Protein backbone atom coordinates (compact mmCIF):
# COMPACT_ATOMS: atom_id res chain seq x y z
CA MET A 1 -68.70 -27.98 51.06
CA ALA A 2 -70.37 -31.32 51.78
CA VAL A 3 -71.29 -32.36 55.29
CA PHE A 4 -71.36 -36.03 56.18
CA SER A 5 -72.92 -37.32 59.39
CA ALA A 6 -73.57 -40.48 61.36
CA THR A 7 -75.35 -41.28 64.61
CA GLY A 8 -74.72 -44.10 67.03
CA LYS A 9 -76.92 -46.10 69.37
CA VAL A 10 -75.17 -47.93 72.20
CA VAL A 11 -76.18 -51.59 72.42
CA SER A 12 -73.55 -52.64 75.00
CA PRO A 13 -70.28 -51.27 76.39
CA THR A 14 -68.49 -52.60 73.29
CA ARG A 15 -71.23 -52.60 70.64
CA LEU A 16 -72.51 -49.57 68.75
CA GLU A 17 -75.07 -49.50 65.92
CA VAL A 18 -74.15 -46.61 63.64
CA SER A 19 -76.58 -45.10 61.15
CA ALA A 20 -75.15 -43.30 58.12
CA ARG A 21 -77.73 -42.35 55.51
CA GLN A 22 -79.81 -45.52 55.00
CA PHE A 23 -77.04 -47.85 56.19
CA THR A 24 -76.38 -49.46 59.56
CA LEU A 25 -72.88 -50.42 60.65
CA THR A 26 -72.33 -52.68 63.64
CA ILE A 27 -69.17 -51.90 65.57
CA ASP A 28 -68.06 -54.33 68.26
CA GLU A 29 -64.95 -55.79 69.81
CA PRO A 30 -63.74 -59.39 69.64
CA PRO A 31 -64.26 -61.54 72.75
CA ASN A 32 -60.64 -61.07 73.90
CA LEU A 33 -61.43 -57.33 74.20
CA GLY A 34 -64.76 -57.88 75.98
CA GLY A 35 -67.08 -57.85 72.99
CA GLU A 36 -69.33 -60.33 71.25
CA ASP A 37 -67.67 -60.04 67.83
CA ALA A 38 -70.89 -58.73 66.23
CA GLY A 39 -68.92 -56.52 63.86
CA ALA A 40 -65.51 -55.13 63.05
CA ASN A 41 -63.98 -52.99 65.78
CA PRO A 42 -63.41 -49.24 65.41
CA VAL A 43 -59.76 -49.48 64.35
CA GLU A 44 -60.65 -52.13 61.76
CA PHE A 45 -63.25 -49.71 60.41
CA VAL A 46 -60.47 -47.13 60.04
CA LEU A 47 -58.56 -49.56 57.82
CA ALA A 48 -61.74 -50.36 55.87
CA ALA A 49 -62.49 -46.66 55.42
CA LEU A 50 -58.99 -46.05 54.08
CA MET A 51 -59.25 -48.91 51.58
CA GLY A 52 -62.77 -47.94 50.54
CA CYS A 53 -61.75 -44.34 49.93
CA LEU A 54 -58.65 -45.31 47.97
CA ASN A 55 -60.74 -47.63 45.81
CA VAL A 56 -62.94 -44.71 44.74
CA VAL A 57 -60.07 -42.26 44.26
CA ILE A 58 -57.82 -44.69 42.35
CA HIS A 59 -60.64 -45.41 39.89
CA THR A 60 -61.36 -41.67 39.57
CA VAL A 61 -57.73 -40.71 38.96
CA ALA A 62 -57.21 -43.59 36.53
CA LYS A 63 -60.20 -42.40 34.49
CA GLU A 64 -58.80 -38.84 34.49
CA LYS A 65 -55.50 -40.26 33.17
CA GLY A 66 -57.29 -42.23 30.45
CA ALA A 67 -56.48 -45.58 32.07
CA GLU A 68 -58.80 -48.44 32.86
CA VAL A 69 -58.36 -50.32 36.13
CA ARG A 70 -58.91 -53.95 35.20
CA SER A 71 -58.55 -55.23 38.75
CA LEU A 72 -57.73 -53.74 42.12
CA ALA A 73 -57.17 -55.41 45.48
CA LEU A 74 -56.30 -53.60 48.68
CA SER A 75 -55.11 -54.85 52.05
CA ALA A 76 -54.21 -52.88 55.13
CA GLU A 77 -52.73 -53.54 58.53
CA GLY A 78 -51.70 -51.33 61.37
CA ASP A 79 -49.73 -51.49 64.59
CA LEU A 80 -51.62 -50.42 67.70
CA ASP A 81 -50.36 -50.72 71.26
CA PRO A 82 -53.41 -51.20 73.54
CA ALA A 83 -51.50 -49.72 76.49
CA GLY A 84 -52.33 -46.27 75.09
CA PHE A 85 -56.11 -46.49 74.94
CA MET A 86 -56.27 -48.63 78.09
CA GLY A 87 -54.57 -45.82 80.05
CA LYS A 88 -51.65 -48.02 81.10
CA ASP A 89 -48.92 -45.94 79.45
CA ASP A 90 -49.39 -42.23 78.72
CA SER A 91 -46.29 -42.21 76.52
CA VAL A 92 -47.94 -44.57 74.00
CA ARG A 93 -50.27 -43.20 71.33
CA ALA A 94 -53.84 -44.44 71.61
CA GLY A 95 -54.07 -44.84 67.84
CA TYR A 96 -52.10 -46.61 65.18
CA GLN A 97 -48.34 -46.15 65.27
CA GLU A 98 -48.20 -47.07 61.58
CA ILE A 99 -50.58 -48.22 58.85
CA ARG A 100 -49.31 -50.25 55.91
CA LEU A 101 -51.37 -50.57 52.76
CA GLU A 102 -50.81 -52.82 49.78
CA VAL A 103 -52.36 -51.95 46.43
CA ILE A 104 -52.41 -54.73 43.84
CA ILE A 105 -53.50 -53.14 40.61
CA ASP A 106 -53.81 -54.18 36.99
CA ALA A 107 -54.46 -51.33 34.59
CA ASP A 108 -54.05 -50.72 30.88
CA ALA A 109 -51.23 -48.24 31.46
CA ASP A 110 -47.46 -48.43 31.79
CA GLU A 111 -45.88 -48.94 35.21
CA ALA A 112 -44.91 -45.27 35.65
CA THR A 113 -48.49 -44.14 34.98
CA VAL A 114 -49.95 -46.72 37.36
CA ARG A 115 -47.55 -45.64 40.11
CA GLU A 116 -48.47 -42.00 39.43
CA ILE A 117 -52.18 -42.86 39.68
CA VAL A 118 -51.67 -44.47 43.08
CA GLU A 119 -49.47 -41.62 44.35
CA ILE A 120 -51.97 -38.97 43.26
CA SER A 121 -54.78 -41.02 44.80
CA LYS A 122 -52.95 -41.20 48.12
CA LYS A 123 -52.78 -37.40 48.19
CA ARG A 124 -56.41 -36.90 47.09
CA CYS A 125 -58.02 -39.56 49.32
CA PRO A 126 -59.93 -37.78 52.12
CA VAL A 127 -59.45 -40.66 54.57
CA SER A 128 -55.72 -40.86 53.86
CA ASP A 129 -55.54 -37.09 54.36
CA ASN A 130 -57.38 -37.36 57.70
CA LEU A 131 -54.98 -40.05 58.87
CA ALA A 132 -51.82 -38.29 57.70
CA ASN A 133 -52.68 -34.81 59.00
CA VAL A 134 -54.05 -33.37 62.19
CA THR A 135 -57.81 -32.90 61.89
CA PRO A 136 -59.48 -30.85 64.62
CA VAL A 137 -62.02 -32.91 66.53
CA SER A 138 -64.44 -31.14 68.81
CA ILE A 139 -66.47 -33.15 71.31
CA ASP A 140 -69.54 -31.45 72.74
CA THR A 141 -70.61 -33.12 75.99
CA VAL A 142 -74.30 -32.99 76.83
CA ILE A 143 -75.18 -34.35 80.27
CA SER A 144 -78.68 -35.72 80.49
CA GLY A 145 -80.12 -36.19 83.93
CA SER A 146 -83.07 -37.79 85.58
């Protein structure tokens, strides 16, 4: 089993500098949500993570099927009602109500094989799996004092 980790340093109430291996990701909110727009916001990173993961898995599955992906473009969008995370309506989910992904792919395989590659990839993509299924999240609170 592989363990992945990241740490975050708070820069402001909306901005977080995340370290993952040797990389730094800046997460911030746009000005209309109180941020300085120094980076994509957390829910945009979810979409990016989904597309990034599917990119890897689609290429992996295509290779397993003996197909070459000549070009691949992905786009994603999701519907999120801010009333949920803002605490204004407890009946509204805090997260995405739906995520839609478009895969534009050109491969040296017939249409049925290309569709099969994408379908298998959807099932094997760890990020897609995390979004489609309940994943236990434990939050350990450590209170530091003066």
